[in-house]
PDB file of all heavy atoms in Angstrom:
ATOM      1  N   LEU A   1     -22.285   4.007  -3.273  1.00  0.00           N
ATOM      2  CA  LEU A   1     -23.081   3.659  -2.146  1.00  0.00           C
ATOM      3  C   LEU A   1     -22.940   2.124  -1.868  1.00  0.00           C
ATOM      4  O   LEU A   1     -22.783   1.644  -0.742  1.00  0.00           O
ATOM      5  CB  LEU A   1     -24.536   3.968  -2.403  1.00  0.00           C
ATOM      6  CG  LEU A   1     -25.543   3.634  -1.366  1.00  0.00           C
ATOM      7  CD1 LEU A   1     -25.269   4.331  -0.020  1.00  0.00           C
ATOM      8  CD2 LEU A   1     -26.952   4.035  -1.806  1.00  0.00           C
ATOM      9  N   SER A   2     -22.990   1.323  -2.942  1.00  0.00           N
ATOM     10  CA  SER A   2     -22.896  -0.100  -2.790  1.00  0.00           C
ATOM     11  C   SER A   2     -21.531  -0.557  -2.329  1.00  0.00           C
ATOM     12  O   SER A   2     -21.395  -1.455  -1.449  1.00  0.00           O
ATOM     13  CB  SER A   2     -23.236  -0.835  -4.131  1.00  0.00           C
ATOM     14  OG  SER A   2     -24.499  -0.447  -4.663  1.00  0.00           O
ATOM     15  N   ARG A   3     -20.509   0.128  -2.772  1.00  0.00           N
ATOM     16  CA  ARG A   3     -19.152  -0.184  -2.371  1.00  0.00           C
ATOM     17  C   ARG A   3     -18.934   0.038  -0.826  1.00  0.00           C
ATOM     18  O   ARG A   3     -18.324  -0.745  -0.211  1.00  0.00           O
ATOM     19  CB  ARG A   3     -18.113   0.629  -3.181  1.00  0.00           C
ATOM     20  CG  ARG A   3     -16.744   0.152  -3.039  1.00  0.00           C
ATOM     21  CD  ARG A   3     -15.836   1.238  -2.446  1.00  0.00           C
ATOM     22  NE  ARG A   3     -14.426   0.800  -2.360  1.00  0.00           N
ATOM     23  CZ  ARG A   3     -13.933   0.168  -1.312  1.00  0.00           C
ATOM     24  NH1 ARG A   3     -14.768  -0.077  -0.257  1.00  0.00           N
ATOM     25  NH2 ARG A   3     -12.678  -0.191  -1.246  1.00  0.00           N
ATOM     26  N   LEU A   4     -19.450   1.129  -0.392  1.00  0.00           N
ATOM     27  CA  LEU A   4     -19.324   1.493   1.066  1.00  0.00           C
ATOM     28  C   LEU A   4     -20.088   0.526   1.880  1.00  0.00           C
ATOM     29  O   LEU A   4     -19.702   0.067   2.983  1.00  0.00           O
ATOM     30  CB  LEU A   4     -19.740   2.914   1.330  1.00  0.00           C
ATOM     31  CG  LEU A   4     -18.852   3.958   0.751  1.00  0.00           C
ATOM     32  CD1 LEU A   4     -19.471   5.344   0.864  1.00  0.00           C
ATOM     33  CD2 LEU A   4     -17.480   3.964   1.468  1.00  0.00           C
ATOM     34  N   ALA A   5     -21.334   0.148   1.419  1.00  0.00           N
ATOM     35  CA  ALA A   5     -22.127  -0.827   2.189  1.00  0.00           C
ATOM     36  C   ALA A   5     -21.492  -2.183   2.216  1.00  0.00           C
ATOM     37  O   ALA A   5     -21.521  -2.868   3.238  1.00  0.00           O
ATOM     38  CB  ALA A   5     -23.499  -0.880   1.575  1.00  0.00           C
ATOM     39  N   ARG A   6     -20.896  -2.579   1.113  1.00  0.00           N
ATOM     40  CA  ARG A   6     -20.213  -3.911   1.068  1.00  0.00           C
ATOM     41  C   ARG A   6     -19.014  -3.873   2.038  1.00  0.00           C
ATOM     42  O   ARG A   6     -18.754  -4.921   2.685  1.00  0.00           O
ATOM     43  CB  ARG A   6     -19.760  -4.216  -0.418  1.00  0.00           C
ATOM     44  CG  ARG A   6     -19.093  -5.581  -0.502  1.00  0.00           C
ATOM     45  CD  ARG A   6     -18.489  -5.725  -1.904  1.00  0.00           C
ATOM     46  NE  ARG A   6     -17.356  -4.869  -2.120  1.00  0.00           N
ATOM     47  CZ  ARG A   6     -16.877  -4.687  -3.383  1.00  0.00           C
ATOM     48  NH1 ARG A   6     -17.408  -5.248  -4.414  1.00  0.00           N
ATOM     49  NH2 ARG A   6     -15.828  -3.899  -3.502  1.00  0.00           N
ATOM     50  N   PHE A   7     -18.305  -2.776   2.034  1.00  0.00           N
ATOM     51  CA  PHE A   7     -17.116  -2.698   2.995  1.00  0.00           C
ATOM     52  C   PHE A   7     -17.581  -2.900   4.378  1.00  0.00           C
ATOM     53  O   PHE A   7     -16.932  -3.591   5.173  1.00  0.00           O
ATOM     54  CB  PHE A   7     -16.353  -1.451   2.752  1.00  0.00           C
ATOM     55  CG  PHE A   7     -15.145  -1.249   3.634  1.00  0.00           C
ATOM     56  CD1 PHE A   7     -13.985  -1.937   3.379  1.00  0.00           C
ATOM     57  CD2 PHE A   7     -15.271  -0.498   4.806  1.00  0.00           C
ATOM     58  CE1 PHE A   7     -12.880  -1.797   4.241  1.00  0.00           C
ATOM     59  CE2 PHE A   7     -14.190  -0.362   5.666  1.00  0.00           C
ATOM     60  CZ  PHE A   7     -13.012  -0.994   5.374  1.00  0.00           C
ATOM     61  N   ASN A   8     -18.591  -2.184   4.775  1.00  0.00           N
ATOM     62  CA  ASN A   8     -19.106  -2.264   6.152  1.00  0.00           C
ATOM     63  C   ASN A   8     -19.553  -3.681   6.503  1.00  0.00           C
ATOM     64  O   ASN A   8     -19.422  -4.109   7.641  1.00  0.00           O
ATOM     65  CB  ASN A   8     -20.207  -1.252   6.375  1.00  0.00           C
ATOM     66  CG  ASN A   8     -19.679   0.190   6.493  1.00  0.00           C
ATOM     67  OD1 ASN A   8     -18.503   0.444   6.547  1.00  0.00           O
ATOM     68  ND2 ASN A   8     -20.622   1.134   6.418  1.00  0.00           N
ATOM     69  N   ALA A   9     -20.151  -4.363   5.552  1.00  0.00           N
ATOM     70  CA  ALA A   9     -20.723  -5.640   5.813  1.00  0.00           C
ATOM     71  C   ALA A   9     -19.649  -6.744   5.831  1.00  0.00           C
ATOM     72  O   ALA A   9     -19.816  -7.790   6.492  1.00  0.00           O
ATOM     73  CB  ALA A   9     -21.761  -6.007   4.767  1.00  0.00           C
ATOM     74  N   THR A  10     -18.475  -6.490   5.159  1.00  0.00           N
ATOM     75  CA  THR A  10     -17.479  -7.548   5.035  1.00  0.00           C
ATOM     76  C   THR A  10     -16.156  -7.315   5.693  1.00  0.00           C
ATOM     77  O   THR A  10     -15.259  -8.082   5.726  1.00  0.00           O
ATOM     78  CB  THR A  10     -17.153  -7.850   3.541  1.00  0.00           C
ATOM     79  OG1 THR A  10     -16.675  -6.643   2.929  1.00  0.00           O
ATOM     80  CG2 THR A  10     -18.440  -8.251   2.778  1.00  0.00           C
ATOM     81  N   VAL A  11     -16.033  -6.065   6.312  1.00  0.00           N
ATOM     82  CA  VAL A  11     -14.784  -5.654   6.879  1.00  0.00           C
ATOM     83  C   VAL A  11     -14.299  -6.577   7.956  1.00  0.00           C
ATOM     84  O   VAL A  11     -13.080  -6.843   8.147  1.00  0.00           O
ATOM     85  CB  VAL A  11     -14.837  -4.183   7.373  1.00  0.00           C
ATOM     86  CG1 VAL A  11     -15.837  -4.089   8.554  1.00  0.00           C
ATOM     87  CG2 VAL A  11     -13.461  -3.693   7.833  1.00  0.00           C
ATOM     88  N   ALA A  12     -15.223  -7.194   8.648  1.00  0.00           N
ATOM     89  CA  ALA A  12     -14.892  -8.066   9.790  1.00  0.00           C
ATOM     90  C   ALA A  12     -14.282  -9.383   9.297  1.00  0.00           C
ATOM     91  O   ALA A  12     -13.503 -10.043  10.004  1.00  0.00           O
ATOM     92  CB  ALA A  12     -16.092  -8.372  10.657  1.00  0.00           C
ATOM     93  N   SER A  13     -14.553  -9.743   8.060  1.00  0.00           N
ATOM     94  CA  SER A  13     -14.112 -11.051   7.498  1.00  0.00           C
ATOM     95  C   SER A  13     -12.819 -10.842   6.570  1.00  0.00           C
ATOM     96  O   SER A  13     -12.284 -11.828   6.162  1.00  0.00           O
ATOM     97  CB  SER A  13     -15.198 -11.712   6.661  1.00  0.00           C
ATOM     98  OG  SER A  13     -15.614 -10.879   5.574  1.00  0.00           O
ATOM     99  N   LEU A  14     -12.425  -9.642   6.357  1.00  0.00           N
ATOM    100  CA  LEU A  14     -11.267  -9.402   5.507  1.00  0.00           C
ATOM    101  C   LEU A  14      -9.983  -9.655   6.255  1.00  0.00           C
ATOM    102  O   LEU A  14      -9.998  -9.420   7.445  1.00  0.00           O
ATOM    103  CB  LEU A  14     -11.302  -7.976   4.987  1.00  0.00           C
ATOM    104  CG  LEU A  14     -12.395  -7.565   3.960  1.00  0.00           C
ATOM    105  CD1 LEU A  14     -12.307  -6.098   3.622  1.00  0.00           C
ATOM    106  CD2 LEU A  14     -12.340  -8.426   2.721  1.00  0.00           C
ATOM    107  N   PRO A  15      -8.968 -10.105   5.605  1.00  0.00           N
ATOM    108  CA  PRO A  15      -7.660 -10.394   6.354  1.00  0.00           C
ATOM    109  C   PRO A  15      -7.010  -9.171   6.817  1.00  0.00           C
ATOM    110  O   PRO A  15      -7.069  -8.051   6.193  1.00  0.00           O
ATOM    111  CB  PRO A  15      -6.818 -11.054   5.270  1.00  0.00           C
ATOM    112  CG  PRO A  15      -7.385 -10.652   3.964  1.00  0.00           C
ATOM    113  CD  PRO A  15      -8.882 -10.517   4.190  1.00  0.00           C
ATOM    114  N   THR A  16      -6.437  -9.209   8.012  1.00  0.00           N
ATOM    115  CA  THR A  16      -5.836  -8.001   8.681  1.00  0.00           C
ATOM    116  C   THR A  16      -4.363  -8.334   9.014  1.00  0.00           C
ATOM    117  O   THR A  16      -3.982  -9.478   9.084  1.00  0.00           O
ATOM    118  CB  THR A  16      -6.582  -7.582   9.887  1.00  0.00           C
ATOM    119  OG1 THR A  16      -6.600  -8.712  10.822  1.00  0.00           O
ATOM    120  CG2 THR A  16      -8.026  -7.221   9.558  1.00  0.00           C
ATOM    121  N   ASP A  17      -3.615  -7.247   9.278  1.00  0.00           N
ATOM    122  CA  ASP A  17      -2.228  -7.399   9.724  1.00  0.00           C
ATOM    123  C   ASP A  17      -2.148  -7.553  11.228  1.00  0.00           C
ATOM    124  O   ASP A  17      -3.253  -7.655  11.907  1.00  0.00           O
ATOM    125  CB  ASP A  17      -1.327  -6.317   9.224  1.00  0.00           C
ATOM    126  CG  ASP A  17      -1.823  -4.949   9.659  1.00  0.00           C
ATOM    127  OD1 ASP A  17      -2.595  -4.875  10.618  1.00  0.00           O
ATOM    128  OD2 ASP A  17      -1.422  -3.918   9.089  1.00  0.00           O
ATOM    129  N   GLN A  18      -0.987  -7.521  11.854  1.00  0.00           N
ATOM    130  CA  GLN A  18      -0.876  -7.701  13.295  1.00  0.00           C
ATOM    131  C   GLN A  18      -1.455  -6.540  14.082  1.00  0.00           C
ATOM    132  O   GLN A  18      -1.752  -6.675  15.285  1.00  0.00           O
ATOM    133  CB  GLN A  18       0.606  -7.850  13.670  1.00  0.00           C
ATOM    134  CG  GLN A  18       1.476  -6.667  13.400  1.00  0.00           C
ATOM    135  CD  GLN A  18       2.113  -6.661  12.037  1.00  0.00           C
ATOM    136  OE1 GLN A  18       1.600  -7.376  11.141  1.00  0.00           O
ATOM    137  NE2 GLN A  18       3.115  -5.895  11.772  1.00  0.00           N
ATOM    138  N   ASN A  19      -1.718  -5.394  13.392  1.00  0.00           N
ATOM    139  CA  ASN A  19      -2.280  -4.256  14.076  1.00  0.00           C
ATOM    140  C   ASN A  19      -3.774  -4.194  13.904  1.00  0.00           C
ATOM    141  O   ASN A  19      -4.461  -3.237  14.302  1.00  0.00           O
ATOM    142  CB  ASN A  19      -1.631  -2.941  13.500  1.00  0.00           C
ATOM    143  CG  ASN A  19      -0.139  -2.866  13.842  1.00  0.00           C
ATOM    144  OD1 ASN A  19       0.242  -3.240  14.906  1.00  0.00           O
ATOM    145  ND2 ASN A  19       0.577  -2.361  12.888  1.00  0.00           N
ATOM    146  N   GLY A  20      -4.361  -5.159  13.303  1.00  0.00           N
ATOM    147  CA  GLY A  20      -5.768  -5.200  13.031  1.00  0.00           C
ATOM    148  C   GLY A  20      -6.248  -4.370  11.856  1.00  0.00           C
ATOM    149  O   GLY A  20      -7.407  -4.118  11.685  1.00  0.00           O
ATOM    150  N   LYS A  21      -5.335  -3.998  11.009  1.00  0.00           N
ATOM    151  CA  LYS A  21      -5.600  -3.162   9.831  1.00  0.00           C
ATOM    152  C   LYS A  21      -5.894  -4.070   8.652  1.00  0.00           C
ATOM    153  O   LYS A  21      -5.153  -5.002   8.331  1.00  0.00           O
ATOM    154  CB  LYS A  21      -4.395  -2.187   9.578  1.00  0.00           C
ATOM    155  CG  LYS A  21      -4.651  -1.207   8.481  1.00  0.00           C
ATOM    156  CD  LYS A  21      -3.431  -0.330   8.396  1.00  0.00           C
ATOM    157  CE  LYS A  21      -3.559   0.668   7.241  1.00  0.00           C
ATOM    158  NZ  LYS A  21      -2.309   1.513   7.100  1.00  0.00           N
ATOM    159  N   VAL A  22      -6.975  -3.718   7.911  1.00  0.00           N
ATOM    160  CA  VAL A  22      -7.304  -4.474   6.684  1.00  0.00           C
ATOM    161  C   VAL A  22      -6.113  -4.390   5.685  1.00  0.00           C
ATOM    162  O   VAL A  22      -5.552  -3.330   5.460  1.00  0.00           O
ATOM    163  CB  VAL A  22      -8.580  -3.950   6.089  1.00  0.00           C
ATOM    164  CG1 VAL A  22      -8.867  -4.630   4.776  1.00  0.00           C
ATOM    165  CG2 VAL A  22      -9.737  -4.181   7.074  1.00  0.00           C
ATOM    166  N   LYS A  23      -5.768  -5.547   5.072  1.00  0.00           N
ATOM    167  CA  LYS A  23      -4.635  -5.615   4.177  1.00  0.00           C
ATOM    168  C   LYS A  23      -4.929  -4.954   2.826  1.00  0.00           C
ATOM    169  O   LYS A  23      -3.962  -4.427   2.183  1.00  0.00           O
ATOM    170  CB  LYS A  23      -4.157  -7.055   4.007  1.00  0.00           C
ATOM    171  CG  LYS A  23      -3.528  -7.617   5.268  1.00  0.00           C
ATOM    172  CD  LYS A  23      -2.974  -9.000   5.026  1.00  0.00           C
ATOM    173  CE  LYS A  23      -2.339  -9.609   6.256  1.00  0.00           C
ATOM    174  NZ  LYS A  23      -1.779 -10.931   5.995  1.00  0.00           N
ATOM    175  N   TYR A  24      -6.111  -5.084   2.329  1.00  0.00           N
ATOM    176  CA  TYR A  24      -6.347  -4.574   0.957  1.00  0.00           C
ATOM    177  C   TYR A  24      -7.795  -4.162   0.811  1.00  0.00           C
ATOM    178  O   TYR A  24      -8.699  -4.452   1.629  1.00  0.00           O
ATOM    179  CB  TYR A  24      -6.031  -5.714  -0.083  1.00  0.00           C
ATOM    180  CG  TYR A  24      -6.866  -6.970   0.112  1.00  0.00           C
ATOM    181  CD1 TYR A  24      -8.209  -7.096  -0.269  1.00  0.00           C
ATOM    182  CD2 TYR A  24      -6.277  -8.097   0.667  1.00  0.00           C
ATOM    183  CE1 TYR A  24      -8.918  -8.252  -0.126  1.00  0.00           C
ATOM    184  CE2 TYR A  24      -6.990  -9.269   0.899  1.00  0.00           C
ATOM    185  CZ  TYR A  24      -8.283  -9.319   0.491  1.00  0.00           C
ATOM    186  OH  TYR A  24      -9.044 -10.489   0.630  1.00  0.00           O
ATOM    187  N   PHE A  25      -8.013  -3.358  -0.188  1.00  0.00           N
ATOM    188  CA  PHE A  25      -9.381  -2.900  -0.601  1.00  0.00           C
ATOM    189  C   PHE A  25      -9.903  -3.839  -1.669  1.00  0.00           C
ATOM    190  O   PHE A  25      -9.190  -4.259  -2.564  1.00  0.00           O
ATOM    191  CB  PHE A  25      -9.371  -1.496  -1.157  1.00  0.00           C
ATOM    192  CG  PHE A  25      -8.996  -0.464  -0.197  1.00  0.00           C
ATOM    193  CD1 PHE A  25      -7.742   0.149  -0.168  1.00  0.00           C
ATOM    194  CD2 PHE A  25      -9.865  -0.036   0.839  1.00  0.00           C
ATOM    195  CE1 PHE A  25      -7.432   1.197   0.687  1.00  0.00           C
ATOM    196  CE2 PHE A  25      -9.514   0.942   1.731  1.00  0.00           C
ATOM    197  CZ  PHE A  25      -8.290   1.564   1.695  1.00  0.00           C
ATOM    198  N   GLU A  26     -11.189  -4.138  -1.598  1.00  0.00           N
ATOM    199  CA  GLU A  26     -11.859  -4.812  -2.721  1.00  0.00           C
ATOM    200  C   GLU A  26     -12.480  -3.752  -3.621  1.00  0.00           C
ATOM    201  O   GLU A  26     -13.405  -3.087  -3.228  1.00  0.00           O
ATOM    202  CB  GLU A  26     -12.913  -5.730  -2.217  1.00  0.00           C
ATOM    203  CG  GLU A  26     -12.398  -7.056  -1.563  1.00  0.00           C
ATOM    204  CD  GLU A  26     -13.492  -8.008  -1.192  1.00  0.00           C
ATOM    205  OE1 GLU A  26     -14.673  -7.585  -1.143  1.00  0.00           O
ATOM    206  OE2 GLU A  26     -13.170  -9.172  -1.023  1.00  0.00           O
ATOM    207  N   GLY A  27     -11.897  -3.549  -4.799  1.00  0.00           N
ATOM    208  CA  GLY A  27     -12.306  -2.456  -5.624  1.00  0.00           C
ATOM    209  C   GLY A  27     -11.592  -1.200  -5.228  1.00  0.00           C
ATOM    210  O   GLY A  27     -10.964  -1.117  -4.164  1.00  0.00           O
ATOM    211  N   THR A  28     -11.662  -0.184  -6.086  1.00  0.00           N
ATOM    212  CA  THR A  28     -10.922   1.046  -5.809  1.00  0.00           C
ATOM    213  C   THR A  28     -11.636   1.752  -4.623  1.00  0.00           C
ATOM    214  O   THR A  28     -12.854   1.778  -4.570  1.00  0.00           O
ATOM    215  CB  THR A  28     -10.905   1.962  -7.059  1.00  0.00           C
ATOM    216  OG1 THR A  28     -12.248   2.118  -7.505  1.00  0.00           O
ATOM    217  CG2 THR A  28     -10.072   1.388  -8.115  1.00  0.00           C
ATOM    218  N   PRO A  29     -10.892   2.353  -3.738  1.00  0.00           N
ATOM    219  CA  PRO A  29     -11.486   3.131  -2.625  1.00  0.00           C
ATOM    220  C   PRO A  29     -12.242   4.340  -3.234  1.00  0.00           C
ATOM    221  O   PRO A  29     -11.864   4.907  -4.196  1.00  0.00           O
ATOM    222  CB  PRO A  29     -10.278   3.605  -1.825  1.00  0.00           C
ATOM    223  CG  PRO A  29      -9.171   2.712  -2.256  1.00  0.00           C
ATOM    224  CD  PRO A  29      -9.407   2.325  -3.639  1.00  0.00           C
ATOM    225  N   ILE A  30     -13.310   4.671  -2.577  1.00  0.00           N
ATOM    226  CA  ILE A  30     -14.164   5.777  -3.116  1.00  0.00           C
ATOM    227  C   ILE A  30     -13.429   7.125  -3.155  1.00  0.00           C
ATOM    228  O   ILE A  30     -13.730   8.005  -3.994  1.00  0.00           O
ATOM    229  CB  ILE A  30     -15.506   5.862  -2.290  1.00  0.00           C
ATOM    230  CG1 ILE A  30     -16.469   6.698  -3.076  1.00  0.00           C
ATOM    231  CG2 ILE A  30     -15.310   6.365  -0.904  1.00  0.00           C
ATOM    232  CD1 ILE A  30     -17.913   6.660  -2.552  1.00  0.00           C
ATOM    233  N   PRO A  31     -12.432   7.411  -2.266  1.00  0.00           N
ATOM    234  CA  PRO A  31     -11.742   8.664  -2.411  1.00  0.00           C
ATOM    235  C   PRO A  31     -10.957   8.866  -3.681  1.00  0.00           C
ATOM    236  O   PRO A  31     -10.523   9.968  -4.025  1.00  0.00           O
ATOM    237  CB  PRO A  31     -10.813   8.736  -1.184  1.00  0.00           C
ATOM    238  CG  PRO A  31     -11.466   7.848  -0.184  1.00  0.00           C
ATOM    239  CD  PRO A  31     -12.106   6.733  -0.989  1.00  0.00           C
ATOM    240  N   THR A  32     -10.771   7.799  -4.492  1.00  0.00           N
ATOM    241  CA  THR A  32     -10.095   7.895  -5.740  1.00  0.00           C
ATOM    242  C   THR A  32     -10.909   8.701  -6.732  1.00  0.00           C
ATOM    243  O   THR A  32     -10.366   9.104  -7.769  1.00  0.00           O
ATOM    244  CB  THR A  32      -9.795   6.504  -6.353  1.00  0.00           C
ATOM    245  OG1 THR A  32     -11.040   5.768  -6.465  1.00  0.00           O
ATOM    246  CG2 THR A  32      -8.844   5.708  -5.446  1.00  0.00           C
ATOM    247  N   THR A  33     -12.115   9.038  -6.410  1.00  0.00           N
ATOM    248  CA  THR A  33     -12.933   9.923  -7.308  1.00  0.00           C
ATOM    249  C   THR A  33     -12.325  11.353  -7.391  1.00  0.00           C
ATOM    250  O   THR A  33     -12.775  12.118  -8.135  1.00  0.00           O
ATOM    251  CB  THR A  33     -14.394   9.988  -6.853  1.00  0.00           C
ATOM    252  OG1 THR A  33     -14.455  10.407  -5.484  1.00  0.00           O
ATOM    253  CG2 THR A  33     -15.035   8.605  -6.971  1.00  0.00           C
ATOM    254  N   LEU A  34     -11.310  11.559  -6.489  1.00  0.00           N
ATOM    255  CA  LEU A  34     -10.616  12.863  -6.544  1.00  0.00           C
ATOM    256  C   LEU A  34      -9.962  13.050  -7.892  1.00  0.00           C
ATOM    257  O   LEU A  34      -9.914  14.179  -8.395  1.00  0.00           O
ATOM    258  CB  LEU A  34      -9.540  12.865  -5.471  1.00  0.00           C
ATOM    259  CG  LEU A  34      -8.553  14.047  -5.502  1.00  0.00           C
ATOM    260  CD1 LEU A  34      -9.305  15.328  -5.153  1.00  0.00           C
ATOM    261  CD2 LEU A  34      -7.438  13.836  -4.491  1.00  0.00           C
ATOM    262  N   VAL A  35      -9.661  11.935  -8.613  1.00  0.00           N
ATOM    263  CA  VAL A  35      -9.084  12.012  -9.957  1.00  0.00           C
ATOM    264  C   VAL A  35     -10.130  12.639 -10.937  1.00  0.00           C
ATOM    265  O   VAL A  35      -9.759  13.516 -11.736  1.00  0.00           O
ATOM    266  CB  VAL A  35      -8.653  10.615 -10.433  1.00  0.00           C
ATOM    267  CG1 VAL A  35      -8.188  10.671 -11.946  1.00  0.00           C
ATOM    268  CG2 VAL A  35      -7.600  10.036  -9.561  1.00  0.00           C
ATOM    269  N   ILE A  36     -11.322  12.253 -10.821  1.00  0.00           N
ATOM    270  CA  ILE A  36     -12.403  12.828 -11.685  1.00  0.00           C
ATOM    271  C   ILE A  36     -12.508  14.329 -11.424  1.00  0.00           C
ATOM    272  O   ILE A  36     -12.640  15.101 -12.309  1.00  0.00           O
ATOM    273  CB  ILE A  36     -13.733  12.120 -11.407  1.00  0.00           C
ATOM    274  CG1 ILE A  36     -13.673  10.674 -11.866  1.00  0.00           C
ATOM    275  CG2 ILE A  36     -14.898  12.888 -12.100  1.00  0.00           C
ATOM    276  CD1 ILE A  36     -14.921   9.899 -11.612  1.00  0.00           C
ATOM    277  N   VAL A  37     -12.531  14.701 -10.123  1.00  0.00           N
ATOM    278  CA  VAL A  37     -12.664  16.123  -9.770  1.00  0.00           C
ATOM    279  C   VAL A  37     -11.465  16.900 -10.339  1.00  0.00           C
ATOM    280  O   VAL A  37     -11.633  18.048 -10.831  1.00  0.00           O
ATOM    281  CB  VAL A  37     -12.782  16.283  -8.264  1.00  0.00           C
ATOM    282  CG1 VAL A  37     -12.796  17.746  -7.897  1.00  0.00           C
ATOM    283  CG2 VAL A  37     -14.022  15.577  -7.738  1.00  0.00           C
ATOM    284  N   ALA A  38     -10.313  16.285 -10.286  1.00  0.00           N
ATOM    285  CA  ALA A  38      -9.120  17.008 -10.841  1.00  0.00           C
ATOM    286  C   ALA A  38      -9.189  17.210 -12.366  1.00  0.00           C
ATOM    287  O   ALA A  38      -8.832  18.268 -12.859  1.00  0.00           O
ATOM    288  CB  ALA A  38      -7.846  16.175 -10.537  1.00  0.00           C
ATOM    289  N   VAL A  39      -9.784  16.194 -13.050  1.00  0.00           N
ATOM    290  CA  VAL A  39     -10.014  16.382 -14.509  1.00  0.00           C
ATOM    291  C   VAL A  39     -10.986  17.529 -14.728  1.00  0.00           C
ATOM    292  O   VAL A  39     -10.790  18.376 -15.673  1.00  0.00           O
ATOM    293  CB  VAL A  39     -10.566  15.091 -15.110  1.00  0.00           C
ATOM    294  CG1 VAL A  39     -10.993  15.266 -16.581  1.00  0.00           C
ATOM    295  CG2 VAL A  39      -9.471  14.001 -14.982  1.00  0.00           C
ATOM    296  N   LEU A  40     -12.109  17.569 -14.002  1.00  0.00           N
ATOM    297  CA  LEU A  40     -13.064  18.658 -14.191  1.00  0.00           C
ATOM    298  C   LEU A  40     -12.474  20.017 -13.915  1.00  0.00           C
ATOM    299  O   LEU A  40     -12.658  20.998 -14.636  1.00  0.00           O
ATOM    300  CB  LEU A  40     -14.293  18.409 -13.212  1.00  0.00           C
ATOM    301  CG  LEU A  40     -15.115  17.142 -13.523  1.00  0.00           C
ATOM    302  CD1 LEU A  40     -16.227  17.066 -12.489  1.00  0.00           C
ATOM    303  CD2 LEU A  40     -15.690  17.087 -14.937  1.00  0.00           C
ATOM    304  N   ALA A  41     -11.693  20.082 -12.843  1.00  0.00           N
ATOM    305  CA  ALA A  41     -11.037  21.376 -12.466  1.00  0.00           C
ATOM    306  C   ALA A  41     -10.092  21.831 -13.502  1.00  0.00           C
ATOM    307  O   ALA A  41     -10.033  23.002 -13.865  1.00  0.00           O
ATOM    308  CB  ALA A  41     -10.348  21.221 -11.109  1.00  0.00           C
ATOM    309  N   TYR A  42      -9.292  20.865 -14.095  1.00  0.00           N
ATOM    310  CA  TYR A  42      -8.401  21.140 -15.159  1.00  0.00           C
ATOM    311  C   TYR A  42      -9.208  21.761 -16.406  1.00  0.00           C
ATOM    312  O   TYR A  42      -8.760  22.713 -16.963  1.00  0.00           O
ATOM    313  CB  TYR A  42      -7.628  19.946 -15.588  1.00  0.00           C
ATOM    314  CG  TYR A  42      -6.759  20.098 -16.821  1.00  0.00           C
ATOM    315  CD1 TYR A  42      -5.444  20.549 -16.622  1.00  0.00           C
ATOM    316  CD2 TYR A  42      -7.233  19.792 -18.068  1.00  0.00           C
ATOM    317  CE1 TYR A  42      -4.625  20.728 -17.718  1.00  0.00           C
ATOM    318  CE2 TYR A  42      -6.404  19.957 -19.201  1.00  0.00           C
ATOM    319  CZ  TYR A  42      -5.092  20.443 -19.045  1.00  0.00           C
ATOM    320  OH  TYR A  42      -4.344  20.591 -20.127  1.00  0.00           O
ATOM    321  N   GLY A  43     -10.297  21.106 -16.700  1.00  0.00           N
ATOM    322  CA  GLY A  43     -11.094  21.502 -17.811  1.00  0.00           C
ATOM    323  C   GLY A  43     -11.661  22.904 -17.646  1.00  0.00           C
ATOM    324  O   GLY A  43     -11.717  23.770 -18.582  1.00  0.00           O
ATOM    325  N   VAL A  44     -12.137  23.212 -16.475  1.00  0.00           N
ATOM    326  CA  VAL A  44     -12.751  24.534 -16.165  1.00  0.00           C
ATOM    327  C   VAL A  44     -11.611  25.596 -16.241  1.00  0.00           C
ATOM    328  O   VAL A  44     -11.811  26.677 -16.822  1.00  0.00           O
ATOM    329  CB  VAL A  44     -13.447  24.561 -14.810  1.00  0.00           C
ATOM    330  CG1 VAL A  44     -13.903  25.952 -14.501  1.00  0.00           C
ATOM    331  CG2 VAL A  44     -14.650  23.606 -14.899  1.00  0.00           C
ATOM    332  N   TYR A  45     -10.462  25.279 -15.669  1.00  0.00           N
ATOM    333  CA  TYR A  45      -9.395  26.259 -15.603  1.00  0.00           C
ATOM    334  C   TYR A  45      -8.932  26.637 -17.034  1.00  0.00           C
ATOM    335  O   TYR A  45      -8.570  27.809 -17.225  1.00  0.00           O
ATOM    336  CB  TYR A  45      -8.237  25.672 -14.812  1.00  0.00           C
ATOM    337  CG  TYR A  45      -7.076  26.630 -14.528  1.00  0.00           C
ATOM    338  CD1 TYR A  45      -7.177  27.623 -13.601  1.00  0.00           C
ATOM    339  CD2 TYR A  45      -5.933  26.568 -15.319  1.00  0.00           C
ATOM    340  CE1 TYR A  45      -6.104  28.448 -13.354  1.00  0.00           C
ATOM    341  CE2 TYR A  45      -4.830  27.427 -15.138  1.00  0.00           C
ATOM    342  CZ  TYR A  45      -4.962  28.408 -14.136  1.00  0.00           C
ATOM    343  OH  TYR A  45      -3.918  29.277 -13.938  1.00  0.00           O
TER     344      TYR A  45
END
């Protein structure tokens, strides 16, 4: 929750490329929690 709130509050100040796309993430993106779900699924299987 804190990571997403920080991103929304600071995205305007982060450096961007010529297309207006943010160049990097501060901290791991929250979708990386897919790795945890994969570990659980492996364990259950």
